Amino acid sequence: MSENKSIIPYPSDAEEESYIQIERTEEFLEAAKKLSEYISSLPLSHAQNDTLVHLTVEQV
């Protein structure tokens, strides 16, 4: 099995600086927009809205 240097174990002992680049597809952005619009339409307090958005982000 060949070593894939683009996969960094977490936590990493790598000495060089590492980063993760996440690319969002058009489908992802459209789904996020629809979800945002739906959440905005719900009769939620500001605190409830913030909690729902936070939980959604954690899940994604």
PDB file of N, CA and C in Angstrom:
ATOM      1  N   MET A   1       0.848  -1.185   0.000  1.00  0.00           N
ATOM      2  CA  MET A   1       0.000   0.000   0.000  1.00  0.00           C
ATOM      3  C   MET A   1       0.885   1.236   0.000  1.00  0.00           C
ATOM      4  N   SER A   2       0.686   2.146  -0.940  1.00  0.00           N
ATOM      5  CA  SER A   2       1.524   3.334  -1.013  1.00  0.00           C
ATOM      6  C   SER A   2       1.079   4.367   0.022  1.00  0.00           C
ATOM      7  N   GLU A   3       2.037   5.138   0.487  1.00  0.00           N
ATOM      8  CA  GLU A   3       1.758   6.167   1.498  1.00  0.00           C
ATOM      9  C   GLU A   3       1.157   7.389   0.816  1.00  0.00           C
ATOM     10  N   ASN A   4       0.002   7.852   1.327  1.00  0.00           N
ATOM     11  CA  ASN A   4      -0.639   9.044   0.798  1.00  0.00           C
ATOM     12  C   ASN A   4      -0.265  10.215   1.690  1.00  0.00           C
ATOM     13  N   LYS A   5       0.583  11.112   1.193  1.00  0.00           N
ATOM     14  CA  LYS A   5       1.062  12.229   1.992  1.00  0.00           C
ATOM     15  C   LYS A   5       0.026  13.328   2.146  1.00  0.00           C
ATOM     16  N   SER A   6      -1.098  13.238   1.435  1.00  0.00           N
ATOM     17  CA  SER A   6      -2.131  14.254   1.588  1.00  0.00           C
ATOM     18  C   SER A   6      -3.066  13.945   2.750  1.00  0.00           C
ATOM     19  N   ILE A   7      -2.923  12.761   3.349  1.00  0.00           N
ATOM     20  CA  ILE A   7      -3.722  12.402   4.513  1.00  0.00           C
ATOM     21  C   ILE A   7      -2.844  12.554   5.745  1.00  0.00           C
ATOM     22  N   ILE A   8      -3.258  13.421   6.656  1.00  0.00           N
ATOM     23  CA  ILE A   8      -2.488  13.670   7.868  1.00  0.00           C
ATOM     24  C   ILE A   8      -3.262  13.112   9.045  1.00  0.00           C
ATOM     25  N   PRO A   9      -2.682  12.177   9.790  1.00  0.00           N
ATOM     26  CA  PRO A   9      -3.387  11.641  10.952  1.00  0.00           C
ATOM     27  C   PRO A   9      -3.664  12.746  11.972  1.00  0.00           C
ATOM     28  N   TYR A  10      -4.782  12.651  12.657  1.00  0.00           N
ATOM     29  CA  TYR A  10      -5.117  13.635  13.682  1.00  0.00           C
ATOM     30  C   TYR A  10      -5.199  12.947  15.015  1.00  0.00           C
ATOM     31  N   PRO A  11      -4.591  13.414  16.063  1.00  0.00           N
ATOM     32  CA  PRO A  11      -3.674  14.560  16.037  1.00  0.00           C
ATOM     33  C   PRO A  11      -2.392  14.199  15.315  1.00  0.00           C
ATOM     34  N   SER A  12      -1.768  15.193  14.752  1.00  0.00           N
ATOM     35  CA  SER A  12      -0.590  14.968  13.925  1.00  0.00           C
ATOM     36  C   SER A  12       0.687  15.365  14.651  1.00  0.00           C
ATOM     37  N   ASP A  13       1.737  14.606  14.406  1.00  0.00           N
ATOM     38  CA  ASP A  13       3.055  14.945  14.932  1.00  0.00           C
ATOM     39  C   ASP A  13       3.890  15.664  13.862  1.00  0.00           C
ATOM     40  N   ALA A  14       3.243  15.997  12.749  1.00  0.00           N
ATOM     41  CA  ALA A  14       3.962  16.634  11.646  1.00  0.00           C
ATOM     42  C   ALA A  14       4.529  17.972  12.102  1.00  0.00           C
ATOM     43  N   GLU A  15       5.774  18.218  11.739  1.00  0.00           N
ATOM     44  CA  GLU A  15       6.422  19.462  12.132  1.00  0.00           C
ATOM     45  C   GLU A  15       6.083  20.592  11.171  1.00  0.00           C
ATOM     46  N   GLU A  16       5.791  20.279   9.933  1.00  0.00           N
ATOM     47  CA  GLU A  16       5.441  21.339   8.995  1.00  0.00           C
ATOM     48  C   GLU A  16       3.996  21.789   9.244  1.00  0.00           C
ATOM     49  N   GLU A  17       3.713  23.003   8.826  1.00  0.00           N
ATOM     50  CA  GLU A  17       2.371  23.544   9.016  1.00  0.00           C
ATOM     51  C   GLU A  17       1.409  22.813   8.084  1.00  0.00           C
ATOM     52  N   SER A  18       0.296  22.381   8.627  1.00  0.00           N
ATOM     53  CA  SER A  18      -0.698  21.654   7.842  1.00  0.00           C
ATOM     54  C   SER A  18      -2.017  22.416   7.881  1.00  0.00           C
ATOM     55  N   TYR A  19      -2.833  22.216   6.885  1.00  0.00           N
ATOM     56  CA  TYR A  19      -4.151  22.824   6.858  1.00  0.00           C
ATOM     57  C   TYR A  19      -5.090  21.930   6.077  1.00  0.00           C
ATOM     58  N   ILE A  20      -6.365  22.186   6.269  1.00  0.00           N
ATOM     59  CA  ILE A  20      -7.396  21.459   5.543  1.00  0.00           C
ATOM     60  C   ILE A  20      -8.130  22.472   4.672  1.00  0.00           C
ATOM     61  N   GLN A  21      -8.287  22.166   3.418  1.00  0.00           N
ATOM     62  CA  GLN A  21      -9.032  23.020   2.513  1.00  0.00           C
ATOM     63  C   GLN A  21     -10.354  22.328   2.207  1.00  0.00           C
ATOM     64  N   ILE A  22     -11.432  23.019   2.483  1.00  0.00           N
ATOM     65  CA  ILE A  22     -12.753  22.457   2.237  1.00  0.00           C
ATOM     66  C   ILE A  22     -13.398  23.249   1.107  1.00  0.00           C
ATOM     67  N   GLU A  23     -13.767  22.545   0.073  1.00  0.00           N
ATOM     68  CA  GLU A  23     -14.426  23.193  -1.054  1.00  0.00           C
ATOM     69  C   GLU A  23     -15.912  22.888  -0.997  1.00  0.00           C
ATOM     70  N   ARG A  24     -16.709  23.905  -1.182  1.00  0.00           N
ATOM     71  CA  ARG A  24     -18.152  23.759  -1.166  1.00  0.00           C
ATOM     72  C   ARG A  24     -18.669  23.717  -2.608  1.00  0.00           C
ATOM     73  N   THR A  25     -19.489  22.708  -2.909  1.00  0.00           N
ATOM     74  CA  THR A  25     -20.077  22.606  -4.243  1.00  0.00           C
ATOM     75  C   THR A  25     -21.265  23.551  -4.346  1.00  0.00           C
ATOM     76  N   GLU A  26     -21.696  23.803  -5.560  1.00  0.00           N
ATOM     77  CA  GLU A  26     -22.897  24.625  -5.777  1.00  0.00           C
ATOM     78  C   GLU A  26     -24.104  23.991  -5.096  1.00  0.00           C
ATOM     79  N   GLU A  27     -24.182  22.656  -5.130  1.00  0.00           N
ATOM     80  CA  GLU A  27     -25.300  21.961  -4.489  1.00  0.00           C
ATOM     81  C   GLU A  27     -25.288  22.183  -2.978  1.00  0.00           C
ATOM     82  N   PHE A  28     -24.106  22.155  -2.370  1.00  0.00           N
ATOM     83  CA  PHE A  28     -23.988  22.405  -0.936  1.00  0.00           C
ATOM     84  C   PHE A  28     -24.432  23.826  -0.607  1.00  0.00           C
ATOM     85  N   LEU A  29     -23.964  24.790  -1.392  1.00  0.00           N
ATOM     86  CA  LEU A  29     -24.320  26.190  -1.139  1.00  0.00           C
ATOM     87  C   LEU A  29     -25.817  26.422  -1.304  1.00  0.00           C
ATOM     88  N   GLU A  30     -26.423  25.801  -2.297  1.00  0.00           N
ATOM     89  CA  GLU A  30     -27.868  25.943  -2.511  1.00  0.00           C
ATOM     90  C   GLU A  30     -28.641  25.316  -1.356  1.00  0.00           C
ATOM     91  N   ALA A  31     -28.223  24.140  -0.897  1.00  0.00           N
ATOM     92  CA  ALA A  31     -28.883  23.495   0.241  1.00  0.00           C
ATOM     93  C   ALA A  31     -28.741  24.344   1.501  1.00  0.00           C
ATOM     94  N   ALA A  32     -27.572  24.953   1.695  1.00  0.00           N
ATOM     95  CA  ALA A  32     -27.352  25.814   2.863  1.00  0.00           C
ATOM     96  C   ALA A  32     -28.266  27.036   2.798  1.00  0.00           C
ATOM     97  N   LYS A  33     -28.444  27.590   1.613  1.00  0.00           N
ATOM     98  CA  LYS A  33     -29.322  28.752   1.443  1.00  0.00           C
ATOM     99  C   LYS A  33     -30.771  28.380   1.760  1.00  0.00           C
ATOM    100  N   LYS A  34     -31.216  27.234   1.238  1.00  0.00           N
ATOM    101  CA  LYS A  34     -32.587  26.782   1.504  1.00  0.00           C
ATOM    102  C   LYS A  34     -32.798  26.536   2.993  1.00  0.00           C
ATOM    103  N   LEU A  35     -31.819  25.911   3.649  1.00  0.00           N
ATOM    104  CA  LEU A  35     -31.923  25.662   5.080  1.00  0.00           C
ATOM    105  C   LEU A  35     -31.977  26.969   5.856  1.00  0.00           C
ATOM    106  N   SER A  36     -31.130  27.909   5.497  1.00  0.00           N
ATOM    107  CA  SER A  36     -31.106  29.211   6.158  1.00  0.00           C
ATOM    108  C   SER A  36     -32.446  29.927   6.020  1.00  0.00           C
ATOM    109  N   GLU A  37     -33.007  29.912   4.824  1.00  0.00           N
ATOM    110  CA  GLU A  37     -34.303  30.560   4.595  1.00  0.00           C
ATOM    111  C   GLU A  37     -35.407  29.874   5.402  1.00  0.00           C
ATOM    112  N   TYR A  38     -35.366  28.549   5.468  1.00  0.00           N
ATOM    113  CA  TYR A  38     -36.368  27.810   6.230  1.00  0.00           C
ATOM    114  C   TYR A  38     -36.248  28.118   7.718  1.00  0.00           C
ATOM    115  N   ILE A  39     -35.034  28.078   8.242  1.00  0.00           N
ATOM    116  CA  ILE A  39     -34.831  28.381   9.665  1.00  0.00           C
ATOM    117  C   ILE A  39     -35.311  29.795   9.977  1.00  0.00           C
ATOM    118  N   SER A  40     -35.032  30.739   9.089  1.00  0.00           N
ATOM    119  CA  SER A  40     -35.463  32.127   9.292  1.00  0.00           C
ATOM    120  C   SER A  40     -36.982  32.259   9.347  1.00  0.00           C
ATOM    121  N   SER A  41     -37.678  31.346   8.674  1.00  0.00           N
ATOM    122  CA  SER A  41     -39.145  31.426   8.640  1.00  0.00           C
ATOM    123  C   SER A  41     -39.796  30.832   9.886  1.00  0.00           C
ATOM    124  N   LEU A  42     -39.032  30.118  10.698  1.00  0.00           N
ATOM    125  CA  LEU A  42     -39.591  29.483  11.894  1.00  0.00           C
ATOM    126  C   LEU A  42     -39.804  30.504  13.011  1.00  0.00           C
ATOM    127  N   PRO A  43     -40.843  30.301  13.819  1.00  0.00           N
ATOM    128  CA  PRO A  43     -41.115  31.237  14.917  1.00  0.00           C
ATOM    129  C   PRO A  43     -40.197  30.966  16.125  1.00  0.00           C
ATOM    130  N   LEU A  44     -38.925  31.273  15.963  1.00  0.00           N
ATOM    131  CA  LEU A  44     -37.938  31.010  17.006  1.00  0.00           C
ATOM    132  C   LEU A  44     -37.440  32.321  17.608  1.00  0.00           C
ATOM    133  N   SER A  45     -37.109  32.268  18.897  1.00  0.00           N
ATOM    134  CA  SER A  45     -36.444  33.420  19.505  1.00  0.00           C
ATOM    135  C   SER A  45     -35.026  33.485  18.941  1.00  0.00           C
ATOM    136  N   HIS A  46     -34.360  34.594  19.196  1.00  0.00           N
ATOM    137  CA  HIS A  46     -32.979  34.748  18.727  1.00  0.00           C
ATOM    138  C   HIS A  46     -32.098  33.637  19.307  1.00  0.00           C
ATOM    139  N   ALA A  47     -32.265  33.352  20.593  1.00  0.00           N
ATOM    140  CA  ALA A  47     -31.468  32.314  21.257  1.00  0.00           C
ATOM    141  C   ALA A  47     -31.757  30.938  20.664  1.00  0.00           C
ATOM    142  N   GLN A  48     -33.031  30.632  20.393  1.00  0.00           N
ATOM    143  CA  GLN A  48     -33.390  29.344  19.796  1.00  0.00           C
ATOM    144  C   GLN A  48     -32.809  29.227  18.391  1.00  0.00           C
ATOM    145  N   ASN A  49     -32.869  30.315  17.628  1.00  0.00           N
ATOM    146  CA  ASN A  49     -32.301  30.327  16.277  1.00  0.00           C
ATOM    147  C   ASN A  49     -30.802  30.056  16.340  1.00  0.00           C
ATOM    148  N   ASP A  50     -30.106  30.745  17.243  1.00  0.00           N
ATOM    149  CA  ASP A  50     -28.668  30.555  17.370  1.00  0.00           C
ATOM    150  C   ASP A  50     -28.323  29.113  17.743  1.00  0.00           C
ATOM    151  N   THR A  51     -29.104  28.540  18.654  1.00  0.00           N
ATOM    152  CA  THR A  51     -28.867  27.155  19.072  1.00  0.00           C
ATOM    153  C   THR A  51     -29.082  26.201  17.914  1.00  0.00           C
ATOM    154  N   LEU A  52     -30.168  26.386  17.165  1.00  0.00           N
ATOM    155  CA  LEU A  52     -30.447  25.508  16.026  1.00  0.00           C
ATOM    156  C   LEU A  52     -29.352  25.607  14.976  1.00  0.00           C
ATOM    157  N   VAL A  53     -28.903  26.811  14.665  1.00  0.00           N
ATOM    158  CA  VAL A  53     -27.846  26.984  13.674  1.00  0.00           C
ATOM    159  C   VAL A  53     -26.553  26.339  14.184  1.00  0.00           C
ATOM    160  N   HIS A  54     -26.220  26.546  15.443  1.00  0.00           N
ATOM    161  CA  HIS A  54     -25.008  25.957  16.019  1.00  0.00           C
ATOM    162  C   HIS A  54     -25.052  24.422  15.933  1.00  0.00           C
ATOM    163  N   LEU A  55     -26.169  23.832  16.293  1.00  0.00           N
ATOM    164  CA  LEU A  55     -26.302  22.379  16.242  1.00  0.00           C
ATOM    165  C   LEU A  55     -26.222  21.857  14.808  1.00  0.00           C
ATOM    166  N   THR A  56     -26.802  22.602  13.881  1.00  0.00           N
ATOM    167  CA  THR A  56     -26.749  22.216  12.465  1.00  0.00           C
ATOM    168  C   THR A  56     -25.318  22.236  11.952  1.00  0.00           C
ATOM    169  N   VAL A  57     -24.581  23.271  12.294  1.00  0.00           N
ATOM    170  CA  VAL A  57     -23.185  23.385  11.866  1.00  0.00           C
ATOM    171  C   VAL A  57     -22.359  22.251  12.456  1.00  0.00           C
ATOM    172  N   GLU A  58     -22.580  21.926  13.730  1.00  0.00           N
ATOM    173  CA  GLU A  58     -21.861  20.813  14.342  1.00  0.00           C
ATOM    174  C   GLU A  58     -22.132  19.511  13.595  1.00  0.00           C
ATOM    175  N   GLN A  59     -23.360  19.284  13.187  1.00  0.00           N
ATOM    176  CA  GLN A  59     -23.735  18.058  12.485  1.00  0.00           C
ATOM    177  C   GLN A  59     -23.073  17.980  11.115  1.00  0.00           C
ATOM    178  N   VAL A  60     -23.054  19.092  10.417  1.00  0.00           N
ATOM    179  CA  VAL A  60     -22.468  19.107   9.075  1.00  0.00           C
ATOM    180  C   VAL A  60     -20.974  18.945   9.172  1.00  0.00           C
TER     181      VAL A  60
END
